[in-house]
Amino acid sequence: MLKPAGDGPHRGGDRSFGELATQLVDDAKAYARAEVDLAKAIAADKAKSVRLAAILLAAALLFAFGAFTALSVAIFVALATVMGPILGGIVAFLLIAGIAGALAWLGVRKLGAAL
């Protein structure tokens, strides 16, 4: 009669419960590590694709600040030619600050309604 080789895989009946439990725990640990590694790889891949979008959005925000500054200066210059530089500056400030305050007030109301 043939006997199984000692180096081959063990049959369930030949192994003790402790060995089977240890093997189960080791397999579960390996599976958990593999799942964590997969999640890390997916997150790293998404981070790479999001990085370029974040850079482009930051550049767009920088240009938007520049455009807003140019608009503010244009409003000041237009008012300064009509009212004088000091009064034009004050009116331009009040106009732009009023718009910013109104937008902030609307944002706070919407945030309060959402919560």
PDB file of N, CA and C in Angstrom:
ATOM      1  N   MET A   1       0.830  -1.162   0.000  1.00  0.00           N
ATOM      2  CA  MET A   1       0.000   0.000   0.000  1.00  0.00           C
ATOM      3  C   MET A   1       0.887   1.242   0.000  1.00  0.00           C
ATOM      4  N   LEU A   2       0.449   2.307  -0.735  1.00  0.00           N
ATOM      5  CA  LEU A   2       1.221   3.528  -0.839  1.00  0.00           C
ATOM      6  C   LEU A   2       0.935   4.446   0.344  1.00  0.00           C
ATOM      7  N   LYS A   3       1.985   5.084   0.827  1.00  0.00           N
ATOM      8  CA  LYS A   3       1.825   6.047   1.912  1.00  0.00           C
ATOM      9  C   LYS A   3       2.017   7.447   1.345  1.00  0.00           C
ATOM     10  N   PRO A   4       1.290   8.451   1.872  1.00  0.00           N
ATOM     11  CA  PRO A   4       1.513   9.820   1.382  1.00  0.00           C
ATOM     12  C   PRO A   4       2.901  10.301   1.773  1.00  0.00           C
ATOM     13  N   ALA A   5       3.472  11.094   0.867  1.00  0.00           N
ATOM     14  CA  ALA A   5       4.806  11.639   1.116  1.00  0.00           C
ATOM     15  C   ALA A   5       4.738  12.642   2.266  1.00  0.00           C
ATOM     16  N   GLY A   6       5.804  12.771   3.022  1.00  0.00           N
ATOM     17  CA  GLY A   6       5.843  13.671   4.170  1.00  0.00           C
ATOM     18  C   GLY A   6       5.857  15.137   3.783  1.00  0.00           C
ATOM     19  N   ASP A   7       6.344  15.464   2.562  1.00  0.00           N
ATOM     20  CA  ASP A   7       6.444  16.859   2.147  1.00  0.00           C
ATOM     21  C   ASP A   7       5.171  17.364   1.492  1.00  0.00           C
ATOM     22  N   GLY A   8       4.264  16.504   1.119  1.00  0.00           N
ATOM     23  CA  GLY A   8       3.048  16.897   0.407  1.00  0.00           C
ATOM     24  C   GLY A   8       2.044  17.547   1.337  1.00  0.00           C
ATOM     25  N   PRO A   9       0.922  17.950   0.766  1.00  0.00           N
ATOM     26  CA  PRO A   9      -0.107  18.574   1.599  1.00  0.00           C
ATOM     27  C   PRO A   9      -0.723  17.557   2.537  1.00  0.00           C
ATOM     28  N   HIS A  10      -1.030  18.030   3.719  1.00  0.00           N
ATOM     29  CA  HIS A  10      -1.605  17.165   4.740  1.00  0.00           C
ATOM     30  C   HIS A  10      -3.096  17.013   4.496  1.00  0.00           C
ATOM     31  N   ARG A  11      -3.592  15.873   4.803  1.00  0.00           N
ATOM     32  CA  ARG A  11      -5.038  15.659   4.730  1.00  0.00           C
ATOM     33  C   ARG A  11      -5.632  16.127   6.055  1.00  0.00           C
ATOM     34  N   GLY A  12      -6.914  16.497   5.999  1.00  0.00           N
ATOM     35  CA  GLY A  12      -7.577  17.019   7.187  1.00  0.00           C
ATOM     36  C   GLY A  12      -7.555  16.047   8.349  1.00  0.00           C
ATOM     37  N   GLY A  13      -7.635  14.738   8.083  1.00  0.00           N
ATOM     38  CA  GLY A  13      -7.679  13.762   9.153  1.00  0.00           C
ATOM     39  C   GLY A  13      -6.337  13.578   9.833  1.00  0.00           C
ATOM     40  N   ASP A  14      -5.251  13.905   9.179  1.00  0.00           N
ATOM     41  CA  ASP A  14      -3.917  13.720   9.734  1.00  0.00           C
ATOM     42  C   ASP A  14      -3.480  14.878  10.631  1.00  0.00           C
ATOM     43  N   ARG A  15      -4.174  16.000  10.554  1.00  0.00           N
ATOM     44  CA  ARG A  15      -3.740  17.183  11.304  1.00  0.00           C
ATOM     45  C   ARG A  15      -4.623  17.363  12.533  1.00  0.00           C
ATOM     46  N   SER A  16      -4.019  17.916  13.558  1.00  0.00           N
ATOM     47  CA  SER A  16      -4.779  18.153  14.785  1.00  0.00           C
ATOM     48  C   SER A  16      -5.617  19.422  14.635  1.00  0.00           C
ATOM     49  N   PHE A  17      -6.552  19.571  15.564  1.00  0.00           N
ATOM     50  CA  PHE A  17      -7.404  20.751  15.556  1.00  0.00           C
ATOM     51  C   PHE A  17      -6.576  22.019  15.757  1.00  0.00           C
ATOM     52  N   GLY A  18      -5.569  21.957  16.594  1.00  0.00           N
ATOM     53  CA  GLY A  18      -4.703  23.113  16.842  1.00  0.00           C
ATOM     54  C   GLY A  18      -3.969  23.537  15.587  1.00  0.00           C
ATOM     55  N   GLU A  19      -3.469  22.562  14.828  1.00  0.00           N
ATOM     56  CA  GLU A  19      -2.780  22.894  13.576  1.00  0.00           C
ATOM     57  C   GLU A  19      -3.743  23.517  12.580  1.00  0.00           C
ATOM     58  N   LEU A  20      -4.952  22.970  12.491  1.00  0.00           N
ATOM     59  CA  LEU A  20      -5.942  23.529  11.580  1.00  0.00           C
ATOM     60  C   LEU A  20      -6.337  24.946  11.985  1.00  0.00           C
ATOM     61  N   ALA A  21      -6.497  25.183  13.281  1.00  0.00           N
ATOM     62  CA  ALA A  21      -6.851  26.517  13.766  1.00  0.00           C
ATOM     63  C   ALA A  21      -5.726  27.504  13.492  1.00  0.00           C
ATOM     64  N   THR A  22      -4.490  27.056  13.703  1.00  0.00           N
ATOM     65  CA  THR A  22      -3.340  27.922  13.412  1.00  0.00           C
ATOM     66  C   THR A  22      -3.279  28.252  11.931  1.00  0.00           C
ATOM     67  N   GLN A  23      -3.508  27.255  11.080  1.00  0.00           N
ATOM     68  CA  GLN A  23      -3.503  27.483   9.636  1.00  0.00           C
ATOM     69  C   GLN A  23      -4.621  28.446   9.238  1.00  0.00           C
ATOM     70  N   LEU A  24      -5.794  28.307   9.859  1.00  0.00           N
ATOM     71  CA  LEU A  24      -6.914  29.192   9.575  1.00  0.00           C
ATOM     72  C   LEU A  24      -6.584  30.628   9.958  1.00  0.00           C
ATOM     73  N   VAL A  25      -5.980  30.810  11.126  1.00  0.00           N
ATOM     74  CA  VAL A  25      -5.600  32.163  11.571  1.00  0.00           C
ATOM     75  C   VAL A  25      -4.556  32.755  10.637  1.00  0.00           C
ATOM     76  N   ASP A  26      -3.562  31.951  10.244  1.00  0.00           N
ATOM     77  CA  ASP A  26      -2.527  32.435   9.328  1.00  0.00           C
ATOM     78  C   ASP A  26      -3.126  32.814   7.975  1.00  0.00           C
ATOM     79  N   ASP A  27      -4.046  31.989   7.479  1.00  0.00           N
ATOM     80  CA  ASP A  27      -4.693  32.310   6.204  1.00  0.00           C
ATOM     81  C   ASP A  27      -5.536  33.579   6.315  1.00  0.00           C
ATOM     82  N   ALA A  28      -6.219  33.748   7.432  1.00  0.00           N
ATOM     83  CA  ALA A  28      -7.030  34.954   7.636  1.00  0.00           C
ATOM     84  C   ALA A  28      -6.151  36.197   7.698  1.00  0.00           C
ATOM     85  N   LYS A  29      -5.001  36.095   8.373  1.00  0.00           N
ATOM     86  CA  LYS A  29      -4.068  37.227   8.430  1.00  0.00           C
ATOM     87  C   LYS A  29      -3.548  37.570   7.042  1.00  0.00           C
ATOM     88  N   ALA A  30      -3.197  36.556   6.269  1.00  0.00           N
ATOM     89  CA  ALA A  30      -2.695  36.793   4.915  1.00  0.00           C
ATOM     90  C   ALA A  30      -3.775  37.427   4.050  1.00  0.00           C
ATOM     91  N   TYR A  31      -5.002  36.953   4.197  1.00  0.00           N
ATOM     92  CA  TYR A  31      -6.111  37.534   3.436  1.00  0.00           C
ATOM     93  C   TYR A  31      -6.333  38.993   3.820  1.00  0.00           C
ATOM     94  N   ALA A  32      -6.294  39.296   5.125  1.00  0.00           N
ATOM     95  CA  ALA A  32      -6.480  40.674   5.590  1.00  0.00           C
ATOM     96  C   ALA A  32      -5.363  41.573   5.070  1.00  0.00           C
ATOM     97  N   ARG A  33      -4.133  41.080   5.096  1.00  0.00           N
ATOM     98  CA  ARG A  33      -3.010  41.872   4.566  1.00  0.00           C
ATOM     99  C   ARG A  33      -3.186  42.129   3.076  1.00  0.00           C
ATOM    100  N   ALA A  34      -3.639  41.121   2.352  1.00  0.00           N
ATOM    101  CA  ALA A  34      -3.854  41.289   0.919  1.00  0.00           C
ATOM    102  C   ALA A  34      -4.958  42.313   0.647  1.00  0.00           C
ATOM    103  N   GLU A  35      -6.017  42.293   1.448  1.00  0.00           N
ATOM    104  CA  GLU A  35      -7.096  43.266   1.281  1.00  0.00           C
ATOM    105  C   GLU A  35      -6.602  44.681   1.586  1.00  0.00           C
ATOM    106  N   VAL A  36      -5.804  44.834   2.632  1.00  0.00           N
ATOM    107  CA  VAL A  36      -5.259  46.149   2.974  1.00  0.00           C
ATOM    108  C   VAL A  36      -4.325  46.634   1.870  1.00  0.00           C
ATOM    109  N   ASP A  37      -3.491  45.755   1.356  1.00  0.00           N
ATOM    110  CA  ASP A  37      -2.591  46.136   0.262  1.00  0.00           C
ATOM    111  C   ASP A  37      -3.380  46.543  -0.978  1.00  0.00           C
ATOM    112  N   LEU A  38      -4.472  45.847  -1.262  1.00  0.00           N
ATOM    113  CA  LEU A  38      -5.308  46.206  -2.401  1.00  0.00           C
ATOM    114  C   LEU A  38      -5.936  47.577  -2.190  1.00  0.00           C
ATOM    115  N   ALA A  39      -6.436  47.838  -0.991  1.00  0.00           N
ATOM    116  CA  ALA A  39      -7.031  49.143  -0.700  1.00  0.00           C
ATOM    117  C   ALA A  39      -5.997  50.257  -0.819  1.00  0.00           C
ATOM    118  N   LYS A  40      -4.773  49.987  -0.363  1.00  0.00           N
ATOM    119  CA  LYS A  40      -3.705  50.987  -0.486  1.00  0.00           C
ATOM    120  C   LYS A  40      -3.387  51.251  -1.946  1.00  0.00           C
ATOM    121  N   ALA A  41      -3.335  50.209  -2.762  1.00  0.00           N
ATOM    122  CA  ALA A  41      -3.030  50.375  -4.188  1.00  0.00           C
ATOM    123  C   ALA A  41      -4.129  51.164  -4.887  1.00  0.00           C
ATOM    124  N   ILE A  42      -5.387  50.877  -4.547  1.00  0.00           N
ATOM    125  CA  ILE A  42      -6.497  51.618  -5.154  1.00  0.00           C
ATOM    126  C   ILE A  42      -6.441  53.087  -4.742  1.00  0.00           C
ATOM    127  N   ALA A  43      -6.176  53.343  -3.462  1.00  0.00           N
ATOM    128  CA  ALA A  43      -6.093  54.723  -2.977  1.00  0.00           C
ATOM    129  C   ALA A  43      -4.936  55.472  -3.631  1.00  0.00           C
ATOM    130  N   ALA A  44      -3.800  54.816  -3.793  1.00  0.00           N
ATOM    131  CA  ALA A  44      -2.652  55.463  -4.432  1.00  0.00           C
ATOM    132  C   ALA A  44      -2.957  55.782  -5.888  1.00  0.00           C
ATOM    133  N   ASP A  45      -3.656  54.891  -6.578  1.00  0.00           N
ATOM    134  CA  ASP A  45      -4.013  55.133  -7.974  1.00  0.00           C
ATOM    135  C   ASP A  45      -4.972  56.310  -8.091  1.00  0.00           C
ATOM    136  N   LYS A  46      -5.960  56.373  -7.201  1.00  0.00           N
ATOM    137  CA  LYS A  46      -6.897  57.492  -7.225  1.00  0.00           C
ATOM    138  C   LYS A  46      -6.206  58.792  -6.865  1.00  0.00           C
ATOM    139  N   ALA A  47      -5.257  58.742  -5.935  1.00  0.00           N
ATOM    140  CA  ALA A  47      -4.533  59.952  -5.535  1.00  0.00           C
ATOM    141  C   ALA A  47      -3.731  60.508  -6.704  1.00  0.00           C
ATOM    142  N   LYS A  48      -3.154  59.625  -7.500  1.00  0.00           N
ATOM    143  CA  LYS A  48      -2.391  60.093  -8.661  1.00  0.00           C
ATOM    144  C   LYS A  48      -3.295  60.791  -9.662  1.00  0.00           C
ATOM    145  N   SER A  49      -4.486  60.246  -9.890  1.00  0.00           N
ATOM    146  CA  SER A  49      -5.384  60.857 -10.857  1.00  0.00           C
ATOM    147  C   SER A  49      -6.001  62.140 -10.315  1.00  0.00           C
ATOM    148  N   VAL A  50      -6.167  62.232  -9.006  1.00  0.00           N
ATOM    149  CA  VAL A  50      -6.757  63.431  -8.406  1.00  0.00           C
ATOM    150  C   VAL A  50      -5.718  64.551  -8.296  1.00  0.00           C
ATOM    151  N   ARG A  51      -4.457  64.191  -8.208  1.00  0.00           N
ATOM    152  CA  ARG A  51      -3.403  65.191  -8.022  1.00  0.00           C
ATOM    153  C   ARG A  51      -3.392  66.213  -9.157  1.00  0.00           C
ATOM    154  N   LEU A  52      -3.458  65.758 -10.409  1.00  0.00           N
ATOM    155  CA  LEU A  52      -3.439  66.676 -11.543  1.00  0.00           C
ATOM    156  C   LEU A  52      -4.676  67.562 -11.528  1.00  0.00           C
ATOM    157  N   ALA A  53      -5.825  66.985 -11.209  1.00  0.00           N
ATOM    158  CA  ALA A  53      -7.045  67.786 -11.140  1.00  0.00           C
ATOM    159  C   ALA A  53      -6.930  68.851 -10.048  1.00  0.00           C
ATOM    160  N   ALA A  54      -6.338  68.518  -8.925  1.00  0.00           N
ATOM    161  CA  ALA A  54      -6.175  69.488  -7.834  1.00  0.00           C
ATOM    162  C   ALA A  54      -5.229  70.613  -8.246  1.00  0.00           C
ATOM    163  N   ILE A  55      -4.171  70.276  -8.960  1.00  0.00           N
ATOM    164  CA  ILE A  55      -3.237  71.307  -9.433  1.00  0.00           C
ATOM    165  C   ILE A  55      -3.929  72.242 -10.402  1.00  0.00           C
ATOM    166  N   LEU A  56      -4.717  71.686 -11.332  1.00  0.00           N
ATOM    167  CA  LEU A  56      -5.423  72.516 -12.301  1.00  0.00           C
ATOM    168  C   LEU A  56      -6.471  73.400 -11.625  1.00  0.00           C
ATOM    169  N   LEU A  57      -7.169  72.861 -10.628  1.00  0.00           N
ATOM    170  CA  LEU A  57      -8.156  73.668  -9.904  1.00  0.00           C
ATOM    171  C   LEU A  57      -7.486  74.779  -9.096  1.00  0.00           C
ATOM    172  N   ALA A  58      -6.333  74.504  -8.518  1.00  0.00           N
ATOM    173  CA  ALA A  58      -5.604  75.544  -7.783  1.00  0.00           C
ATOM    174  C   ALA A  58      -5.148  76.653  -8.723  1.00  0.00           C
ATOM    175  N   ALA A  59      -4.682  76.276  -9.906  1.00  0.00           N
ATOM    176  CA  ALA A  59      -4.282  77.281 -10.892  1.00  0.00           C
ATOM    177  C   ALA A  59      -5.486  78.108 -11.342  1.00  0.00           C
ATOM    178  N   ALA A  60      -6.634  77.454 -11.538  1.00  0.00           N
ATOM    179  CA  ALA A  60      -7.848  78.174 -11.921  1.00  0.00           C
ATOM    180  C   ALA A  60      -8.271  79.144 -10.826  1.00  0.00           C
ATOM    181  N   LEU A  61      -8.147  78.714  -9.567  1.00  0.00           N
ATOM    182  CA  LEU A  61      -8.489  79.597  -8.455  1.00  0.00           C
ATOM    183  C   LEU A  61      -7.558  80.804  -8.396  1.00  0.00           C
ATOM    184  N   LEU A  62      -6.290  80.582  -8.664  1.00  0.00           N
ATOM    185  CA  LEU A  62      -5.329  81.687  -8.693  1.00  0.00           C
ATOM    186  C   LEU A  62      -5.695  82.705  -9.782  1.00  0.00           C
ATOM    187  N   PHE A  63      -6.044  82.213 -10.963  1.00  0.00           N
ATOM    188  CA  PHE A  63      -6.447  83.111 -12.043  1.00  0.00           C
ATOM    189  C   PHE A  63      -7.770  83.806 -11.722  1.00  0.00           C
ATOM    190  N   ALA A  64      -8.674  83.118 -11.019  1.00  0.00           N
ATOM    191  CA  ALA A  64      -9.936  83.750 -10.626  1.00  0.00           C
ATOM    192  C   ALA A  64      -9.684  84.881  -9.641  1.00  0.00           C
ATOM    193  N   PHE A  65      -8.753  84.690  -8.716  1.00  0.00           N
ATOM    194  CA  PHE A  65      -8.388  85.786  -7.808  1.00  0.00           C
ATOM    195  C   PHE A  65      -7.825  86.974  -8.582  1.00  0.00           C
ATOM    196  N   GLY A  66      -6.995  86.691  -9.553  1.00  0.00           N
ATOM    197  CA  GLY A  66      -6.445  87.768 -10.388  1.00  0.00           C
ATOM    198  C   GLY A  66      -7.528  88.505 -11.151  1.00  0.00           C
ATOM    199  N   ALA A  67      -8.485  87.767 -11.710  1.00  0.00           N
ATOM    200  CA  ALA A  67      -9.581  88.398 -12.440  1.00  0.00           C
ATOM    201  C   ALA A  67     -10.442  89.246 -11.511  1.00  0.00           C
ATOM    202  N   PHE A  68     -10.696  88.750 -10.300  1.00  0.00           N
ATOM    203  CA  PHE A  68     -11.489  89.511  -9.341  1.00  0.00           C
ATOM    204  C   PHE A  68     -10.757  90.791  -8.921  1.00  0.00           C
ATOM    205  N   THR A  69      -9.457  90.678  -8.749  1.00  0.00           N
ATOM    206  CA  THR A  69      -8.668  91.865  -8.400  1.00  0.00           C
ATOM    207  C   THR A  69      -8.720  92.889  -9.528  1.00  0.00           C
ATOM    208  N   ALA A  70      -8.594  92.432 -10.781  1.00  0.00           N
ATOM    209  CA  ALA A  70      -8.665  93.345 -11.918  1.00  0.00           C
ATOM    210  C   ALA A  70     -10.035  94.015 -11.983  1.00  0.00           C
ATOM    211  N   LEU A  71     -11.103  93.246 -11.728  1.00  0.00           N
ATOM    212  CA  LEU A  71     -12.448  93.831 -11.718  1.00  0.00           C
ATOM    213  C   LEU A  71     -12.592  94.863 -10.603  1.00  0.00           C
ATOM    214  N   SER A  72     -12.044  94.575  -9.437  1.00  0.00           N
ATOM    215  CA  SER A  72     -12.106  95.523  -8.321  1.00  0.00           C
ATOM    216  C   SER A  72     -11.366  96.807  -8.647  1.00  0.00           C
ATOM    217  N   VAL A  73     -10.211  96.686  -9.256  1.00  0.00           N
ATOM    218  CA  VAL A  73      -9.443  97.876  -9.638  1.00  0.00           C
ATOM    219  C   VAL A  73     -10.187  98.661 -10.718  1.00  0.00           C
ATOM    220  N   ALA A  74     -10.812  97.961 -11.658  1.00  0.00           N
ATOM    221  CA  ALA A  74     -11.570  98.645 -12.709  1.00  0.00           C
ATOM    222  C   ALA A  74     -12.754  99.407 -12.118  1.00  0.00           C
ATOM    223  N   ILE A  75     -13.421  98.807 -11.142  1.00  0.00           N
ATOM    224  CA  ILE A  75     -14.526  99.507 -10.480  1.00  0.00           C
ATOM    225  C   ILE A  75     -14.006 100.742  -9.754  1.00  0.00           C
ATOM    226  N   PHE A  76     -12.890 100.596  -9.066  1.00  0.00           N
ATOM    227  CA  PHE A  76     -12.308 101.739  -8.366  1.00  0.00           C
ATOM    228  C   PHE A  76     -11.928 102.860  -9.341  1.00  0.00           C
ATOM    229  N   VAL A  77     -11.277 102.501 -10.437  1.00  0.00           N
ATOM    230  CA  VAL A  77     -10.842 103.520 -11.405  1.00  0.00           C
ATOM    231  C   VAL A  77     -12.042 104.219 -12.024  1.00  0.00           C
ATOM    232  N   ALA A  78     -13.083 103.446 -12.347  1.00  0.00           N
ATOM    233  CA  ALA A  78     -14.281 104.057 -12.932  1.00  0.00           C
ATOM    234  C   ALA A  78     -14.942 105.011 -11.940  1.00  0.00           C
ATOM    235  N   LEU A  79     -15.025 104.615 -10.686  1.00  0.00           N
ATOM    236  CA  LEU A  79     -15.625 105.504  -9.692  1.00  0.00           C
ATOM    237  C   LEU A  79     -14.715 106.670  -9.345  1.00  0.00           C
ATOM    238  N   ALA A  80     -13.411 106.455  -9.384  1.00  0.00           N
ATOM    239  CA  ALA A  80     -12.468 107.536  -9.052  1.00  0.00           C
ATOM    240  C   ALA A  80     -12.544 108.657 -10.075  1.00  0.00           C
ATOM    241  N   THR A  81     -12.800 108.333 -11.333  1.00  0.00           N
ATOM    242  CA  THR A  81     -12.893 109.398 -12.345  1.00  0.00           C
ATOM    243  C   THR A  81     -14.167 110.208 -12.168  1.00  0.00           C
ATOM    244  N   VAL A  82     -15.202 109.618 -11.589  1.00  0.00           N
ATOM    245  CA  VAL A  82     -16.462 110.323 -11.399  1.00  0.00           C
ATOM    246  C   VAL A  82     -16.508 111.031 -10.045  1.00  0.00           C
ATOM    247  N   MET A  83     -16.028 110.378  -8.971  1.00  0.00           N
ATOM    248  CA  MET A  83     -16.188 110.900  -7.619  1.00  0.00           C
ATOM    249  C   MET A  83     -14.903 111.367  -6.974  1.00  0.00           C
ATOM    250  N   GLY A  84     -13.791 111.076  -7.527  1.00  0.00           N
ATOM    251  CA  GLY A  84     -12.519 111.350  -6.886  1.00  0.00           C
ATOM    252  C   GLY A  84     -11.967 110.062  -6.290  1.00  0.00           C
ATOM    253  N   PRO A  85     -10.644 110.030  -6.069  1.00  0.00           N
ATOM    254  CA  PRO A  85     -10.020 108.775  -5.665  1.00  0.00           C
ATOM    255  C   PRO A  85     -10.438 108.282  -4.279  1.00  0.00           C
ATOM    256  N   ILE A  86     -10.575 109.171  -3.309  1.00  0.00           N
ATOM    257  CA  ILE A  86     -10.910 108.712  -1.952  1.00  0.00           C
ATOM    258  C   ILE A  86     -12.348 108.199  -1.901  1.00  0.00           C
ATOM    259  N   LEU A  87     -13.270 109.000  -2.402  1.00  0.00           N
ATOM    260  CA  LEU A  87     -14.669 108.595  -2.379  1.00  0.00           C
ATOM    261  C   LEU A  87     -14.893 107.381  -3.290  1.00  0.00           C
ATOM    262  N   GLY A  88     -14.216 107.324  -4.425  1.00  0.00           N
ATOM    263  CA  GLY A  88     -14.323 106.175  -5.324  1.00  0.00           C
ATOM    264  C   GLY A  88     -13.821 104.897  -4.655  1.00  0.00           C
ATOM    265  N   GLY A  89     -12.723 104.999  -3.910  1.00  0.00           N
ATOM    266  CA  GLY A  89     -12.195 103.849  -3.180  1.00  0.00           C
ATOM    267  C   GLY A  89     -13.153 103.370  -2.111  1.00  0.00           C
ATOM    268  N   ILE A  90     -13.751 104.316  -1.391  1.00  0.00           N
ATOM    269  CA  ILE A  90     -14.697 103.944  -0.336  1.00  0.00           C
ATOM    270  C   ILE A  90     -15.933 103.275  -0.936  1.00  0.00           C
ATOM    271  N   VAL A  91     -16.470 103.847  -2.007  1.00  0.00           N
ATOM    272  CA  VAL A  91     -17.664 103.276  -2.636  1.00  0.00           C
ATOM    273  C   VAL A  91     -17.346 101.898  -3.221  1.00  0.00           C
ATOM    274  N   ALA A  92     -16.190 101.762  -3.874  1.00  0.00           N
ATOM    275  CA  ALA A  92     -15.806 100.462  -4.434  1.00  0.00           C
ATOM    276  C   ALA A  92     -15.652  99.427  -3.322  1.00  0.00           C
ATOM    277  N   PHE A  93     -15.033  99.834  -2.217  1.00  0.00           N
ATOM    278  CA  PHE A  93     -14.886  98.925  -1.078  1.00  0.00           C
ATOM    279  C   PHE A  93     -16.243  98.498  -0.541  1.00  0.00           C
ATOM    280  N   LEU A  94     -17.137  99.475  -0.322  1.00  0.00           N
ATOM    281  CA  LEU A  94     -18.462  99.144   0.216  1.00  0.00           C
ATOM    282  C   LEU A  94     -19.249  98.244  -0.736  1.00  0.00           C
ATOM    283  N   LEU A  95     -19.135  98.492  -2.033  1.00  0.00           N
ATOM    284  CA  LEU A  95     -19.833  97.669  -3.018  1.00  0.00           C
ATOM    285  C   LEU A  95     -19.328  96.227  -2.995  1.00  0.00           C
ATOM    286  N   ILE A  96     -18.015  96.049  -3.041  1.00  0.00           N
ATOM    287  CA  ILE A  96     -17.434  94.702  -3.075  1.00  0.00           C
ATOM    288  C   ILE A  96     -17.617  93.999  -1.730  1.00  0.00           C
ATOM    289  N   ALA A  97     -17.450  94.735  -0.624  1.00  0.00           N
ATOM    290  CA  ALA A  97     -17.664  94.144   0.703  1.00  0.00           C
ATOM    291  C   ALA A  97     -19.128  93.771   0.896  1.00  0.00           C
ATOM    292  N   GLY A  98     -20.047  94.560   0.365  1.00  0.00           N
ATOM    293  CA  GLY A  98     -21.468  94.236   0.453  1.00  0.00           C
ATOM    294  C   GLY A  98     -21.805  92.963  -0.306  1.00  0.00           C
ATOM    295  N   ILE A  99     -21.231  92.801  -1.486  1.00  0.00           N
ATOM    296  CA  ILE A  99     -21.451  91.573  -2.261  1.00  0.00           C
ATOM    297  C   ILE A  99     -20.877  90.368  -1.498  1.00  0.00           C
ATOM    298  N   ALA A 100     -19.675  90.524  -0.952  1.00  0.00           N
ATOM    299  CA  ALA A 100     -19.063  89.431  -0.192  1.00  0.00           C
ATOM    300  C   ALA A 100     -19.898  89.094   1.041  1.00  0.00           C
ATOM    301  N   GLY A 101     -20.398  90.115   1.738  1.00  0.00           N
ATOM    302  CA  GLY A 101     -21.234  89.883   2.915  1.00  0.00           C
ATOM    303  C   GLY A 101     -22.534  89.186   2.556  1.00  0.00           C
ATOM    304  N   ALA A 102     -23.147  89.589   1.445  1.00  0.00           N
ATOM    305  CA  ALA A 102     -24.395  88.955   1.022  1.00  0.00           C
ATOM    306  C   ALA A 102     -24.160  87.487   0.664  1.00  0.00           C
ATOM    307  N   LEU A 103     -23.073  87.202  -0.027  1.00  0.00           N
ATOM    308  CA  LEU A 103     -22.758  85.811  -0.364  1.00  0.00           C
ATOM    309  C   LEU A 103     -22.473  84.987   0.883  1.00  0.00           C
ATOM    310  N   ALA A 104     -21.760  85.576   1.855  1.00  0.00           N
ATOM    311  CA  ALA A 104     -21.479  84.864   3.099  1.00  0.00           C
ATOM    312  C   ALA A 104     -22.770  84.606   3.875  1.00  0.00           C
ATOM    313  N   TRP A 105     -23.653  85.599   3.910  1.00  0.00           N
ATOM    314  CA  TRP A 105     -24.925  85.440   4.616  1.00  0.00           C
ATOM    315  C   TRP A 105     -25.758  84.329   3.980  1.00  0.00           C
ATOM    316  N   LEU A 106     -25.826  84.305   2.636  1.00  0.00           N
ATOM    317  CA  LEU A 106     -26.558  83.239   1.946  1.00  0.00           C
ATOM    318  C   LEU A 106     -25.940  81.874   2.215  1.00  0.00           C
ATOM    319  N   GLY A 107     -24.605  81.828   2.229  1.00  0.00           N
ATOM    320  CA  GLY A 107     -23.920  80.565   2.504  1.00  0.00           C
ATOM    321  C   GLY A 107     -24.209  80.056   3.898  1.00  0.00           C
ATOM    322  N   VAL A 108     -24.203  80.936   4.879  1.00  0.00           N
ATOM    323  CA  VAL A 108     -24.491  80.537   6.261  1.00  0.00           C
ATOM    324  C   VAL A 108     -25.941  80.068   6.388  1.00  0.00           C
ATOM    325  N   ARG A 109     -26.869  80.748   5.719  1.00  0.00           N
ATOM    326  CA  ARG A 109     -28.271  80.313   5.755  1.00  0.00           C
ATOM    327  C   ARG A 109     -28.437  78.941   5.138  1.00  0.00           C
ATOM    328  N   LYS A 110     -27.792  78.698   3.985  1.00  0.00           N
ATOM    329  CA  LYS A 110     -27.893  77.393   3.322  1.00  0.00           C
ATOM    330  C   LYS A 110     -27.248  76.308   4.184  1.00  0.00           C
ATOM    331  N   LEU A 111     -26.145  76.637   4.828  1.00  0.00           N
ATOM    332  CA  LEU A 111     -25.479  75.668   5.704  1.00  0.00           C
ATOM    333  C   LEU A 111     -26.354  75.341   6.901  1.00  0.00           C
ATOM    334  N   GLY A 112     -26.983  76.358   7.478  1.00  0.00           N
ATOM    335  CA  GLY A 112     -27.888  76.129   8.599  1.00  0.00           C
ATOM    336  C   GLY A 112     -29.095  75.289   8.194  1.00  0.00           C
ATOM    337  N   ALA A 113     -29.597  75.502   6.989  1.00  0.00           N
ATOM    338  CA  ALA A 113     -30.744  74.725   6.503  1.00  0.00           C
ATOM    339  C   ALA A 113     -30.328  73.275   6.230  1.00  0.00           C
ATOM    340  N   ALA A 114     -29.092  73.085   5.797  1.00  0.00           N
ATOM    341  CA  ALA A 114     -28.634  71.744   5.484  1.00  0.00           C
ATOM    342  C   ALA A 114     -28.376  70.931   6.750  1.00  0.00           C
ATOM    343  N   LEU A 115     -27.985  71.595   7.829  1.00  0.00           N
ATOM    344  CA  LEU A 115     -27.710  70.887   9.076  1.00  0.00           C
ATOM    345  C   LEU A 115     -28.992  70.769   9.855  1.00  0.00           C
TER     346      LEU A 115
END
